Amino acid sequence: MAVAMLALSMLALSIVPAVADSAVILMYHRFGEDIYPSTNVRIEQFEAHIRELRDGPYTVLPVSEIAAALRSGKTLPDRTVGITVDDAYLSTYTEAWPRLKAAGFPFALFIATDAVDKRYAGMVDWDQIREMRAAGVEIGAHTGSHLHMPDNSPAANRAELQRSLKRFEEELGERPALFAYPYGEASLATRAIIGEFGFETAFGQHSGVAHGAGNLMYLPRFAMNENYSALEDFILRVNALPLAVSDISPRDSFINDRNPPLVGFTVDASIGSLGGLACYHSQFGKADLDILGTHRVEIRFSEPFRVGRTRLNCTKPAGKGRWRWFGMQYYTPP
């Protein structure tokens, strides 16, 4: 505890730059639903997050405003944070919204329409969605059935989106401009389809910091659940800076033909030395990095990625108690 308090004190005393071209976006699902620990945050954890954002050096903005700034090149306040909630569970309405509203914090809610239409227990209804929307909550699309999009044909994915967007038009009078990929699974083909439907911004579930050089149709979000919502972990994430990279391989996060893939990326030269860079894969642990030249990083895995979702997180010390962060999520079909 003493070490943690010392680290927080050092963080608070650090010199904060006035502006940035990046923002941390948080993703929640359930609130106070303790029987679902992998997607839930405990109420005391969530209240601690809100206190930190309220009392600390942060600016919480609507995610649409963050995306517009990244798109136009407009600067954002340093430590800008966006809040998103996926799936529209009832605890969003009963637990999260009152607390966020009291703090004056905007958020976006991504809705898979089939569950709402079928009035599943534990889900919000359209009247509650309209009430939140009228109060300023941003509403985003999340398909109809919350399917694994990379496993489905382009025709099936288009039909799914058409059905979902029709329900938004019928119930809310317009289509959402924001989209979140179910499970964060976003193949190149899936991303192309999302672009066809006119969404302005789309979000994954890979950790990292959204920034101006990133892909606005696949922005990262830090997933919050009971295991990763301790205050020390939360502070680490909301103070993160981008680890800007390019020439990412494999280009497609859908691992179908070559498994294991050759993973690589080029770190932007503005980051400086790659000293302290470390990458961790959810299946294999800490990865051995090959540094080619000064800024090219490659990782070779000796075993295939397992079926389903796996993640890669790469971090580098940024000084003053902060870390640069880049992440990817991969999906390997059955």
C-alpha atoms as a PDB file:
ATOM      1  CA  MET A   1       0.000   0.000   0.000  1.00  0.00           C
ATOM      2  CA  ALA A   2       2.817   2.419   0.889  1.00  0.00           C
ATOM      3  CA  VAL A   3       4.492   1.772  -2.474  1.00  0.00           C
ATOM      4  CA  ALA A   4       1.218   2.346  -4.303  1.00  0.00           C
ATOM      5  CA  MET A   5       0.588   5.642  -2.458  1.00  0.00           C
ATOM      6  CA  LEU A   6       4.120   6.824  -3.227  1.00  0.00           C
ATOM      7  CA  ALA A   7       3.628   6.026  -6.921  1.00  0.00           C
ATOM      8  CA  LEU A   8       0.349   7.955  -6.956  1.00  0.00           C
ATOM      9  CA  SER A   9       1.958  10.919  -5.241  1.00  0.00           C
ATOM     10  CA  MET A  10       4.751  10.990  -7.817  1.00  0.00           C
ATOM     11  CA  LEU A  11       2.163  10.823 -10.587  1.00  0.00           C
ATOM     12  CA  ALA A  12       0.226  13.747  -9.165  1.00  0.00           C
ATOM     13  CA  LEU A  13       3.385  15.866  -8.921  1.00  0.00           C
ATOM     14  CA  SER A  14       4.497  15.234 -12.487  1.00  0.00           C
ATOM     15  CA  ILE A  15       4.307  18.038 -15.020  1.00  0.00           C
ATOM     16  CA  VAL A  16       1.266  17.545 -17.239  1.00  0.00           C
ATOM     17  CA  PRO A  17       1.378  18.643 -20.883  1.00  0.00           C
ATOM     18  CA  ALA A  18      -1.537  20.903 -21.802  1.00  0.00           C
ATOM     19  CA  VAL A  19      -2.741  19.074 -24.912  1.00  0.00           C
ATOM     20  CA  ALA A  20      -2.445  15.747 -26.685  1.00  0.00           C
ATOM     21  CA  ASP A  21      -3.683  13.952 -29.799  1.00  0.00           C
ATOM     22  CA  SER A  22      -4.889  10.931 -27.861  1.00  0.00           C
ATOM     23  CA  ALA A  23      -7.496   9.682 -25.429  1.00  0.00           C
ATOM     24  CA  VAL A  24      -8.089   6.640 -23.266  1.00  0.00           C
ATOM     25  CA  ILE A  25     -11.447   4.974 -23.896  1.00  0.00           C
ATOM     26  CA  LEU A  26     -12.904   2.693 -21.255  1.00  0.00           C
ATOM     27  CA  MET A  27     -15.323  -0.188 -21.854  1.00  0.00           C
ATOM     28  CA  TYR A  28     -17.738  -1.555 -19.266  1.00  0.00           C
ATOM     29  CA  HIS A  29     -20.527  -4.146 -19.472  1.00  0.00           C
ATOM     30  CA  ARG A  30     -22.214  -4.871 -16.115  1.00  0.00           C
ATOM     31  CA  PHE A  31     -22.327  -3.051 -12.794  1.00  0.00           C
ATOM     32  CA  GLY A  32     -22.834  -4.817  -9.486  1.00  0.00           C
ATOM     33  CA  GLU A  33     -23.759  -8.136 -11.117  1.00  0.00           C
ATOM     34  CA  ASP A  34     -21.337 -10.259  -9.150  1.00  0.00           C
ATOM     35  CA  ILE A  35     -22.291 -13.593 -10.748  1.00  0.00           C
ATOM     36  CA  TYR A  36     -20.652 -12.388 -14.000  1.00  0.00           C
ATOM     37  CA  PRO A  37     -17.115 -11.426 -12.860  1.00  0.00           C
ATOM     38  CA  SER A  38     -15.593 -11.507 -16.359  1.00  0.00           C
ATOM     39  CA  THR A  39     -17.854  -8.673 -17.563  1.00  0.00           C
ATOM     40  CA  ASN A  40     -18.841  -7.038 -14.282  1.00  0.00           C
ATOM     41  CA  VAL A  41     -17.349  -4.310 -12.116  1.00  0.00           C
ATOM     42  CA  ARG A  42     -18.297  -4.182  -8.478  1.00  0.00           C
ATOM     43  CA  ILE A  43     -20.120  -1.032  -7.415  1.00  0.00           C
ATOM     44  CA  GLU A  44     -17.331  -0.014  -5.047  1.00  0.00           C
ATOM     45  CA  GLN A  45     -14.833  -0.378  -7.909  1.00  0.00           C
ATOM     46  CA  PHE A  46     -16.958   1.731 -10.247  1.00  0.00           C
ATOM     47  CA  GLU A  47     -17.452   4.424  -7.626  1.00  0.00           C
ATOM     48  CA  ALA A  48     -13.678   4.531  -7.088  1.00  0.00           C
ATOM     49  CA  HIS A  49     -13.213   4.998 -10.848  1.00  0.00           C
ATOM     50  CA  ILE A  50     -15.670   7.880 -10.874  1.00  0.00           C
ATOM     51  CA  ARG A  51     -13.973   9.557  -7.895  1.00  0.00           C
ATOM     52  CA  GLU A  52     -10.586   9.269  -9.598  1.00  0.00           C
ATOM     53  CA  LEU A  53     -11.900  10.776 -12.827  1.00  0.00           C
ATOM     54  CA  ARG A  54     -13.729  13.517 -10.931  1.00  0.00           C
ATOM     55  CA  ASP A  55     -10.906  14.482  -8.582  1.00  0.00           C
ATOM     56  CA  GLY A  56      -7.876  13.772 -10.773  1.00  0.00           C
ATOM     57  CA  PRO A  57      -6.324  15.627 -13.747  1.00  0.00           C
ATOM     58  CA  TYR A  58      -8.704  14.157 -16.335  1.00  0.00           C
ATOM     59  CA  THR A  59     -11.170  15.479 -18.899  1.00  0.00           C
ATOM     60  CA  VAL A  60     -14.087  13.145 -19.652  1.00  0.00           C
ATOM     61  CA  LEU A  61     -15.575  13.833 -23.092  1.00  0.00           C
ATOM     62  CA  PRO A  62     -18.231  12.172 -25.270  1.00  0.00           C
ATOM     63  CA  VAL A  63     -16.600   9.543 -27.461  1.00  0.00           C
ATOM     64  CA  SER A  64     -18.094  11.171 -30.576  1.00  0.00           C
ATOM     65  CA  GLU A  65     -16.255  14.386 -29.671  1.00  0.00           C
ATOM     66  CA  ILE A  66     -13.031  12.458 -29.101  1.00  0.00           C
ATOM     67  CA  ALA A  67     -13.383  10.708 -32.463  1.00  0.00           C
ATOM     68  CA  ALA A  68     -14.112  13.993 -34.245  1.00  0.00           C
ATOM     69  CA  ALA A  69     -10.972  15.540 -32.746  1.00  0.00           C
ATOM     70  CA  LEU A  70      -8.828  12.583 -33.794  1.00  0.00           C
ATOM     71  CA  ARG A  71     -10.321  12.712 -37.289  1.00  0.00           C
ATOM     72  CA  SER A  72      -9.708  16.441 -37.767  1.00  0.00           C
ATOM     73  CA  GLY A  73      -6.329  16.656 -36.059  1.00  0.00           C
ATOM     74  CA  LYS A  74      -7.702  18.855 -33.281  1.00  0.00           C
ATOM     75  CA  THR A  75      -5.807  18.619 -30.016  1.00  0.00           C
ATOM     76  CA  LEU A  76      -7.418  17.251 -26.871  1.00  0.00           C
ATOM     77  CA  PRO A  77      -6.637  17.970 -23.225  1.00  0.00           C
ATOM     78  CA  ASP A  78      -3.969  15.656 -21.865  1.00  0.00           C
ATOM     79  CA  ARG A  79      -5.538  12.692 -20.027  1.00  0.00           C
ATOM     80  CA  THR A  80      -8.770  12.871 -21.999  1.00  0.00           C
ATOM     81  CA  VAL A  81     -11.012   9.894 -21.196  1.00  0.00           C
ATOM     82  CA  GLY A  82     -14.084   8.474 -22.945  1.00  0.00           C
ATOM     83  CA  ILE A  83     -16.530   6.044 -21.328  1.00  0.00           C
ATOM     84  CA  THR A  84     -18.418   3.328 -23.210  1.00  0.00           C
ATOM     85  CA  VAL A  85     -20.772   0.550 -22.117  1.00  0.00           C
ATOM     86  CA  ASP A  86     -21.565  -2.511 -24.259  1.00  0.00           C
ATOM     87  CA  ASP A  87     -24.696  -4.678 -24.483  1.00  0.00           C
ATOM     88  CA  ALA A  88     -27.198  -2.490 -22.586  1.00  0.00           C
ATOM     89  CA  TYR A  89     -27.680  -4.590 -19.480  1.00  0.00           C
ATOM     90  CA  LEU A  90     -30.247  -3.214 -17.040  1.00  0.00           C
ATOM     91  CA  SER A  91     -27.535  -2.388 -14.502  1.00  0.00           C
ATOM     92  CA  THR A  92     -26.365   0.311 -16.924  1.00  0.00           C
ATOM     93  CA  TYR A  93     -29.683   2.074 -16.363  1.00  0.00           C
ATOM     94  CA  THR A  94     -30.092   1.339 -12.647  1.00  0.00           C
ATOM     95  CA  GLU A  95     -26.501   1.556 -11.401  1.00  0.00           C
ATOM     96  CA  ALA A  96     -24.095   3.175 -13.864  1.00  0.00           C
ATOM     97  CA  TRP A  97     -26.170   5.952 -15.368  1.00  0.00           C
ATOM     98  CA  PRO A  98     -27.253   7.569 -12.059  1.00  0.00           C
ATOM     99  CA  ARG A  99     -23.647   7.652 -10.863  1.00  0.00           C
ATOM    100  CA  LEU A 100     -22.256   8.970 -14.145  1.00  0.00           C
ATOM    101  CA  LYS A 101     -25.028  11.562 -14.356  1.00  0.00           C
ATOM    102  CA  ALA A 102     -24.299  12.771 -10.821  1.00  0.00           C
ATOM    103  CA  ALA A 103     -20.625  13.193 -11.766  1.00  0.00           C
ATOM    104  CA  GLY A 104     -21.527  14.988 -15.001  1.00  0.00           C
ATOM    105  CA  PHE A 105     -19.792  12.351 -17.129  1.00  0.00           C
ATOM    106  CA  PRO A 106     -21.024  11.541 -20.657  1.00  0.00           C
ATOM    107  CA  PHE A 107     -20.925   7.989 -21.993  1.00  0.00           C
ATOM    108  CA  ALA A 108     -21.884   5.916 -25.025  1.00  0.00           C
ATOM    109  CA  LEU A 109     -24.100   2.829 -24.867  1.00  0.00           C
ATOM    110  CA  PHE A 110     -23.749   0.150 -27.566  1.00  0.00           C
ATOM    111  CA  ILE A 111     -26.912  -1.889 -28.095  1.00  0.00           C
ATOM    112  CA  ALA A 112     -27.448  -5.314 -29.678  1.00  0.00           C
ATOM    113  CA  THR A 113     -31.076  -4.829 -30.679  1.00  0.00           C
ATOM    114  CA  ASP A 114     -32.354  -8.434 -30.649  1.00  0.00           C
ATOM    115  CA  ALA A 115     -31.995  -8.802 -26.869  1.00  0.00           C
ATOM    116  CA  VAL A 116     -33.902  -5.556 -26.327  1.00  0.00           C
ATOM    117  CA  ASP A 117     -36.630  -6.546 -28.788  1.00  0.00           C
ATOM    118  CA  LYS A 118     -37.040  -9.948 -27.137  1.00  0.00           C
ATOM    119  CA  ARG A 119     -37.252  -8.301 -23.694  1.00  0.00           C
ATOM    120  CA  TYR A 120     -34.673 -10.586 -22.176  1.00  0.00           C
ATOM    121  CA  ALA A 121     -34.452 -10.381 -18.416  1.00  0.00           C
ATOM    122  CA  GLY A 122     -31.714  -8.074 -17.221  1.00  0.00           C
ATOM    123  CA  MET A 123     -31.739  -5.864 -20.340  1.00  0.00           C
ATOM    124  CA  VAL A 124     -32.899  -2.293 -20.783  1.00  0.00           C
ATOM    125  CA  ASP A 125     -36.010  -1.614 -22.841  1.00  0.00           C
ATOM    126  CA  TRP A 126     -36.584   0.920 -25.601  1.00  0.00           C
ATOM    127  CA  ASP A 127     -38.312   3.396 -23.266  1.00  0.00           C
ATOM    128  CA  GLN A 128     -35.244   3.395 -21.016  1.00  0.00           C
ATOM    129  CA  ILE A 129     -32.986   3.807 -24.036  1.00  0.00           C
ATOM    130  CA  ARG A 130     -35.045   6.794 -25.177  1.00  0.00           C
ATOM    131  CA  GLU A 131     -34.871   8.298 -21.689  1.00  0.00           C
ATOM    132  CA  MET A 132     -31.083   7.983 -21.579  1.00  0.00           C
ATOM    133  CA  ARG A 133     -30.709   9.299 -25.102  1.00  0.00           C
ATOM    134  CA  ALA A 134     -32.881  12.341 -24.311  1.00  0.00           C
ATOM    135  CA  ALA A 135     -30.571  13.058 -21.369  1.00  0.00           C
ATOM    136  CA  GLY A 136     -27.479  13.054 -23.590  1.00  0.00           C
ATOM    137  CA  VAL A 137     -26.291   9.436 -23.557  1.00  0.00           C
ATOM    138  CA  GLU A 138     -24.809   8.551 -26.948  1.00  0.00           C
ATOM    139  CA  ILE A 139     -26.358   5.459 -28.521  1.00  0.00           C
ATOM    140  CA  GLY A 140     -24.256   3.154 -30.692  1.00  0.00           C
ATOM    141  CA  ALA A 141     -24.908   0.000 -32.709  1.00  0.00           C
ATOM    142  CA  HIS A 142     -23.684  -3.465 -31.708  1.00  0.00           C
ATOM    143  CA  THR A 143     -25.414  -5.668 -34.356  1.00  0.00           C
ATOM    144  CA  GLY A 144     -28.696  -7.465 -33.754  1.00  0.00           C
ATOM    145  CA  SER A 145     -27.776 -10.827 -32.244  1.00  0.00           C
ATOM    146  CA  HIS A 146     -24.247 -10.009 -30.978  1.00  0.00           C
ATOM    147  CA  LEU A 147     -22.770 -12.555 -33.378  1.00  0.00           C
ATOM    148  CA  HIS A 148     -19.164 -13.521 -34.145  1.00  0.00           C
ATOM    149  CA  MET A 149     -18.906 -11.431 -37.298  1.00  0.00           C
ATOM    150  CA  PRO A 150     -15.650 -12.921 -38.702  1.00  0.00           C
ATOM    151  CA  ASP A 151     -17.270 -16.384 -38.683  1.00  0.00           C
ATOM    152  CA  ASN A 152     -20.151 -15.231 -40.867  1.00  0.00           C
ATOM    153  CA  SER A 153     -20.409 -14.452 -44.555  1.00  0.00           C
ATOM    154  CA  PRO A 154     -20.488 -10.858 -45.800  1.00  0.00           C
ATOM    155  CA  ALA A 155     -24.124 -11.380 -46.787  1.00  0.00           C
ATOM    156  CA  ALA A 156     -25.040 -12.580 -43.297  1.00  0.00           C
ATOM    157  CA  ASN A 157     -23.232  -9.659 -41.664  1.00  0.00           C
ATOM    158  CA  ARG A 158     -24.927  -7.143 -43.951  1.00  0.00           C
ATOM    159  CA  ALA A 159     -28.332  -8.636 -43.201  1.00  0.00           C
ATOM    160  CA  GLU A 160     -27.575  -8.491 -39.488  1.00  0.00           C
ATOM    161  CA  LEU A 161     -26.659  -4.818 -39.672  1.00  0.00           C
ATOM    162  CA  GLN A 162     -29.659  -3.940 -41.841  1.00  0.00           C
ATOM    163  CA  ARG A 163     -32.019  -5.578 -39.347  1.00  0.00           C
ATOM    164  CA  SER A 164     -30.401  -3.847 -36.394  1.00  0.00           C
ATOM    165  CA  LEU A 165     -30.292  -0.398 -37.994  1.00  0.00           C
ATOM    166  CA  LYS A 166     -33.927  -0.705 -39.064  1.00  0.00           C
ATOM    167  CA  ARG A 167     -34.873  -1.163 -35.410  1.00  0.00           C
ATOM    168  CA  PHE A 168     -32.921   1.934 -34.420  1.00  0.00           C
ATOM    169  CA  GLU A 169     -34.715   3.942 -37.088  1.00  0.00           C
ATOM    170  CA  GLU A 170     -38.101   2.629 -35.934  1.00  0.00           C
ATOM    171  CA  GLU A 171     -37.478   3.224 -32.239  1.00  0.00           C
ATOM    172  CA  LEU A 172     -35.184   6.276 -32.206  1.00  0.00           C
ATOM    173  CA  GLY A 173     -35.774   7.874 -35.596  1.00  0.00           C
ATOM    174  CA  GLU A 174     -32.176   7.663 -36.788  1.00  0.00           C
ATOM    175  CA  ARG A 175     -29.197   5.375 -37.250  1.00  0.00           C
ATOM    176  CA  PRO A 176     -26.281   5.506 -34.839  1.00  0.00           C
ATOM    177  CA  ALA A 177     -22.980   6.921 -36.063  1.00  0.00           C
ATOM    178  CA  LEU A 178     -20.958   4.788 -33.624  1.00  0.00           C
ATOM    179  CA  PHE A 179     -20.407   1.020 -33.765  1.00  0.00           C
ATOM    180  CA  ALA A 180     -18.754  -1.515 -31.449  1.00  0.00           C
ATOM    181  CA  TYR A 181     -17.700  -4.919 -32.804  1.00  0.00           C
ATOM    182  CA  PRO A 182     -19.244  -7.760 -30.773  1.00  0.00           C
ATOM    183  CA  TYR A 183     -16.477  -9.349 -28.674  1.00  0.00           C
ATOM    184  CA  GLY A 184     -14.112  -6.854 -30.319  1.00  0.00           C
ATOM    185  CA  GLU A 185     -13.718  -9.243 -33.281  1.00  0.00           C
ATOM    186  CA  ALA A 186     -12.895  -7.142 -36.337  1.00  0.00           C
ATOM    187  CA  SER A 187     -11.436  -8.811 -39.409  1.00  0.00           C
ATOM    188  CA  LEU A 188     -10.474  -6.741 -42.462  1.00  0.00           C
ATOM    189  CA  ALA A 189     -13.624  -7.944 -44.218  1.00  0.00           C
ATOM    190  CA  THR A 190     -15.762  -7.027 -41.227  1.00  0.00           C
ATOM    191  CA  ARG A 191     -14.247  -3.555 -41.000  1.00  0.00           C
ATOM    192  CA  ALA A 192     -14.930  -2.980 -44.686  1.00  0.00           C
ATOM    193  CA  ILE A 193     -18.604  -3.828 -44.197  1.00  0.00           C
ATOM    194  CA  ILE A 194     -18.894  -1.458 -41.245  1.00  0.00           C
ATOM    195  CA  GLY A 195     -17.504   1.262 -43.492  1.00  0.00           C
ATOM    196  CA  GLU A 196     -20.128   0.456 -46.151  1.00  0.00           C
ATOM    197  CA  PHE A 197     -22.905   1.200 -43.671  1.00  0.00           C
ATOM    198  CA  GLY A 198     -21.695   4.725 -43.038  1.00  0.00           C
ATOM    199  CA  PHE A 199     -20.552   4.457 -39.434  1.00  0.00           C
ATOM    200  CA  GLU A 200     -18.201   7.285 -38.517  1.00  0.00           C
ATOM    201  CA  THR A 201     -16.272   5.443 -35.811  1.00  0.00           C
ATOM    202  CA  ALA A 202     -15.985   1.834 -34.630  1.00  0.00           C
ATOM    203  CA  PHE A 203     -14.476   0.345 -31.494  1.00  0.00           C
ATOM    204  CA  GLY A 204     -12.745  -2.922 -30.672  1.00  0.00           C
ATOM    205  CA  GLN A 205     -11.857  -4.503 -27.340  1.00  0.00           C
ATOM    206  CA  HIS A 206      -8.076  -4.438 -27.631  1.00  0.00           C
ATOM    207  CA  SER A 207      -6.184  -2.445 -25.022  1.00  0.00           C
ATOM    208  CA  GLY A 208      -4.411   0.715 -26.045  1.00  0.00           C
ATOM    209  CA  VAL A 209      -4.789   4.452 -26.464  1.00  0.00           C
ATOM    210  CA  ALA A 210      -6.799   6.032 -29.285  1.00  0.00           C
ATOM    211  CA  HIS A 211      -4.706   8.577 -31.170  1.00  0.00           C
ATOM    212  CA  GLY A 212      -4.654  10.661 -34.315  1.00  0.00           C
ATOM    213  CA  ALA A 213      -2.598   8.223 -36.389  1.00  0.00           C
ATOM    214  CA  GLY A 214      -4.801   5.262 -35.439  1.00  0.00           C
ATOM    215  CA  ASN A 215      -7.612   3.563 -37.338  1.00  0.00           C
ATOM    216  CA  LEU A 216     -10.920   5.287 -36.579  1.00  0.00           C
ATOM    217  CA  MET A 217     -12.777   2.151 -37.643  1.00  0.00           C
ATOM    218  CA  TYR A 218     -10.963   0.045 -35.039  1.00  0.00           C
ATOM    219  CA  LEU A 219     -10.230   2.180 -31.997  1.00  0.00           C
ATOM    220  CA  PRO A 220      -8.885   0.476 -28.855  1.00  0.00           C
ATOM    221  CA  ARG A 221     -10.655   0.396 -25.503  1.00  0.00           C
ATOM    222  CA  PHE A 222      -9.523  -0.754 -22.088  1.00  0.00           C
ATOM    223  CA  ALA A 223     -11.926  -3.451 -20.900  1.00  0.00           C
ATOM    224  CA  MET A 224     -12.889  -3.106 -17.259  1.00  0.00           C
ATOM    225  CA  ASN A 225     -13.981  -6.083 -15.167  1.00  0.00           C
ATOM    226  CA  GLU A 226     -13.595  -7.262 -11.571  1.00  0.00           C
ATOM    227  CA  ASN A 227     -10.093  -8.622 -12.175  1.00  0.00           C
ATOM    228  CA  TYR A 228      -8.719  -5.439 -13.770  1.00  0.00           C
ATOM    229  CA  SER A 229     -10.626  -2.710 -11.938  1.00  0.00           C
ATOM    230  CA  ALA A 230      -8.534  -2.206  -8.814  1.00  0.00           C
ATOM    231  CA  LEU A 231      -7.814   1.509  -8.434  1.00  0.00           C
ATOM    232  CA  GLU A 232      -4.070   1.080  -9.082  1.00  0.00           C
ATOM    233  CA  ASP A 233      -4.838  -0.701 -12.386  1.00  0.00           C
ATOM    234  CA  PHE A 234      -7.405   1.904 -13.330  1.00  0.00           C
ATOM    235  CA  ILE A 235      -4.988   4.776 -12.711  1.00  0.00           C
ATOM    236  CA  LEU A 236      -2.352   3.027 -14.820  1.00  0.00           C
ATOM    237  CA  ARG A 237      -4.772   2.820 -17.745  1.00  0.00           C
ATOM    238  CA  VAL A 238      -6.353   6.269 -17.644  1.00  0.00           C
ATOM    239  CA  ASN A 239      -2.864   7.813 -17.583  1.00  0.00           C
ATOM    240  CA  ALA A 240      -1.610   5.779 -20.551  1.00  0.00           C
ATOM    241  CA  LEU A 241      -0.115   7.370 -23.657  1.00  0.00           C
ATOM    242  CA  PRO A 242      -0.152   5.964 -27.189  1.00  0.00           C
ATOM    243  CA  LEU A 243       2.574   3.741 -28.529  1.00  0.00           C
ATOM    244  CA  ALA A 244       2.178   4.804 -32.149  1.00  0.00           C
ATOM    245  CA  VAL A 245       2.971   2.041 -34.644  1.00  0.00           C
ATOM    246  CA  SER A 246       2.610   1.367 -38.364  1.00  0.00           C
ATOM    247  CA  ASP A 247       3.163  -1.501 -40.831  1.00  0.00           C
ATOM    248  CA  ILE A 248       1.356  -3.918 -38.528  1.00  0.00           C
ATOM    249  CA  SER A 249       1.511  -7.592 -39.414  1.00  0.00           C
ATOM    250  CA  PRO A 250      -0.506  -9.622 -39.849  1.00  0.00           C
ATOM    251  CA  ARG A 251      -2.706  -7.026 -41.510  1.00  0.00           C
ATOM    252  CA  ASP A 252      -5.769  -9.061 -40.627  1.00  0.00           C
ATOM    253  CA  SER A 253      -6.463  -9.906 -36.972  1.00  0.00           C
ATOM    254  CA  PHE A 254      -8.556 -12.859 -38.229  1.00  0.00           C
ATOM    255  CA  ILE A 255      -6.032 -15.722 -38.011  1.00  0.00           C
ATOM    256  CA  ASN A 256      -7.192 -18.176 -40.619  1.00  0.00           C
ATOM    257  CA  ASP A 257      -4.459 -19.159 -43.088  1.00  0.00           C
ATOM    258  CA  ARG A 258      -1.140 -18.873 -41.263  1.00  0.00           C
ATOM    259  CA  ASN A 259      -1.106 -19.900 -37.612  1.00  0.00           C
ATOM    260  CA  PRO A 260       0.997 -18.919 -35.777  1.00  0.00           C
ATOM    261  CA  PRO A 261       1.288 -15.598 -37.614  1.00  0.00           C
ATOM    262  CA  LEU A 262       4.430 -13.515 -37.882  1.00  0.00           C
ATOM    263  CA  VAL A 263       3.598 -10.549 -35.670  1.00  0.00           C
ATOM    264  CA  GLY A 264       5.357  -7.261 -36.250  1.00  0.00           C
ATOM    265  CA  PHE A 265       5.047  -3.491 -36.200  1.00  0.00           C
ATOM    266  CA  THR A 266       7.166  -0.394 -36.658  1.00  0.00           C
ATOM    267  CA  VAL A 267       7.242   2.031 -33.738  1.00  0.00           C
ATOM    268  CA  ASP A 268       7.057   5.694 -34.700  1.00  0.00           C
ATOM    269  CA  ALA A 269      10.485   7.319 -34.529  1.00  0.00           C
ATOM    270  CA  SER A 270       9.082  10.115 -32.339  1.00  0.00           C
ATOM    271  CA  ILE A 271       8.845   7.578 -29.494  1.00  0.00           C
ATOM    272  CA  GLY A 272      12.643   7.463 -29.346  1.00  0.00           C
ATOM    273  CA  SER A 273      14.587   4.483 -28.049  1.00  0.00           C
ATOM    274  CA  LEU A 274      12.750   1.173 -27.639  1.00  0.00           C
ATOM    275  CA  GLY A 275      14.427   0.565 -24.307  1.00  0.00           C
ATOM    276  CA  GLY A 276      11.976  -0.885 -21.837  1.00  0.00           C
ATOM    277  CA  LEU A 277       9.551  -2.098 -24.508  1.00  0.00           C
ATOM    278  CA  ALA A 278       7.881  -5.355 -23.494  1.00  0.00           C
ATOM    279  CA  CYS A 279       5.086  -7.382 -25.075  1.00  0.00           C
ATOM    280  CA  TYR A 280       2.829  -9.980 -23.457  1.00  0.00           C
ATOM    281  CA  HIS A 281       0.577 -12.468 -25.227  1.00  0.00           C
ATOM    282  CA  SER A 282      -2.459 -13.798 -23.370  1.00  0.00           C
ATOM    283  CA  GLN A 283      -1.612 -17.377 -24.348  1.00  0.00           C
ATOM    284  CA  PHE A 284       2.189 -17.417 -24.133  1.00  0.00           C
ATOM    285  CA  GLY A 285       3.115 -14.734 -21.617  1.00  0.00           C
ATOM    286  CA  LYS A 286       6.088 -12.437 -22.153  1.00  0.00           C
ATOM    287  CA  ALA A 287       7.221 -12.519 -25.782  1.00  0.00           C
ATOM    288  CA  ASP A 288      10.775 -12.537 -27.129  1.00  0.00           C
ATOM    289  CA  LEU A 289      11.195  -9.453 -29.307  1.00  0.00           C
ATOM    290  CA  ASP A 290      13.415  -9.138 -32.374  1.00  0.00           C
ATOM    291  CA  ILE A 291      14.375  -5.489 -32.904  1.00  0.00           C
ATOM    292  CA  LEU A 292      15.264  -4.907 -36.561  1.00  0.00           C
ATOM    293  CA  GLY A 293      17.138  -1.684 -37.164  1.00  0.00           C
ATOM    294  CA  THR A 294      16.021   0.905 -34.630  1.00  0.00           C
ATOM    295  CA  HIS A 295      12.221   0.756 -34.610  1.00  0.00           C
ATOM    296  CA  ARG A 296      10.959  -2.456 -36.265  1.00  0.00           C
ATOM    297  CA  VAL A 297       9.679  -5.079 -33.820  1.00  0.00           C
ATOM    298  CA  GLU A 298       8.915  -8.688 -34.783  1.00  0.00           C
ATOM    299  CA  ILE A 299       7.656 -11.597 -32.685  1.00  0.00           C
ATOM    300  CA  ARG A 300       7.801 -15.226 -33.758  1.00  0.00           C
ATOM    301  CA  PHE A 301       5.634 -17.731 -31.918  1.00  0.00           C
ATOM    302  CA  SER A 302       6.500 -21.428 -31.900  1.00  0.00           C
ATOM    303  CA  GLU A 303       2.936 -22.660 -31.330  1.00  0.00           C
ATOM    304  CA  PRO A 304      -0.393 -21.828 -32.996  1.00  0.00           C
ATOM    305  CA  PHE A 305      -2.762 -19.314 -31.473  1.00  0.00           C
ATOM    306  CA  ARG A 306      -5.607 -21.129 -29.755  1.00  0.00           C
ATOM    307  CA  VAL A 307      -9.147 -21.052 -31.107  1.00  0.00           C
ATOM    308  CA  GLY A 308     -11.064 -17.936 -30.132  1.00  0.00           C
ATOM    309  CA  ARG A 309      -9.667 -14.627 -28.946  1.00  0.00           C
ATOM    310  CA  THR A 310      -6.102 -13.966 -27.884  1.00  0.00           C
ATOM    311  CA  ARG A 311      -4.462 -10.634 -27.122  1.00  0.00           C
ATOM    312  CA  LEU A 312      -1.082  -8.950 -27.407  1.00  0.00           C
ATOM    313  CA  ASN A 313      -0.202  -5.988 -25.179  1.00  0.00           C
ATOM    314  CA  CYS A 314       2.982  -3.981 -25.646  1.00  0.00           C
ATOM    315  CA  THR A 315       4.040  -1.274 -23.196  1.00  0.00           C
ATOM    316  CA  LYS A 316       6.983   1.081 -22.780  1.00  0.00           C
ATOM    317  CA  PRO A 317       7.818   3.467 -19.926  1.00  0.00           C
ATOM    318  CA  ALA A 318       7.005   7.069 -20.847  1.00  0.00           C
ATOM    319  CA  GLY A 319       8.418   8.732 -17.748  1.00  0.00           C
ATOM    320  CA  LYS A 320       6.681  10.588 -14.924  1.00  0.00           C
ATOM    321  CA  GLY A 321       4.833   7.422 -13.882  1.00  0.00           C
ATOM    322  CA  ARG A 322       3.129   6.913 -17.257  1.00  0.00           C
ATOM    323  CA  TRP A 323       3.288   4.162 -19.876  1.00  0.00           C
ATOM    324  CA  ARG A 324       2.900   4.003 -23.636  1.00  0.00           C
ATOM    325  CA  TRP A 325       0.533   1.221 -24.719  1.00  0.00           C
ATOM    326  CA  PHE A 326      -0.288  -0.662 -27.926  1.00  0.00           C
ATOM    327  CA  GLY A 327      -2.490  -3.729 -28.145  1.00  0.00           C
ATOM    328  CA  MET A 328      -4.022  -6.134 -30.612  1.00  0.00           C
ATOM    329  CA  GLN A 329      -6.758  -8.736 -30.384  1.00  0.00           C
ATOM    330  CA  TYR A 330      -6.666 -11.797 -32.637  1.00  0.00           C
ATOM    331  CA  TYR A 331      -9.467 -14.184 -33.479  1.00  0.00           C
ATOM    332  CA  THR A 332      -8.843 -17.759 -34.615  1.00  0.00           C
ATOM    333  CA  PRO A 333     -11.933 -19.555 -35.944  1.00  0.00           C
ATOM    334  CA  PRO A 334     -12.965 -23.056 -34.802  1.00  0.00           C
END
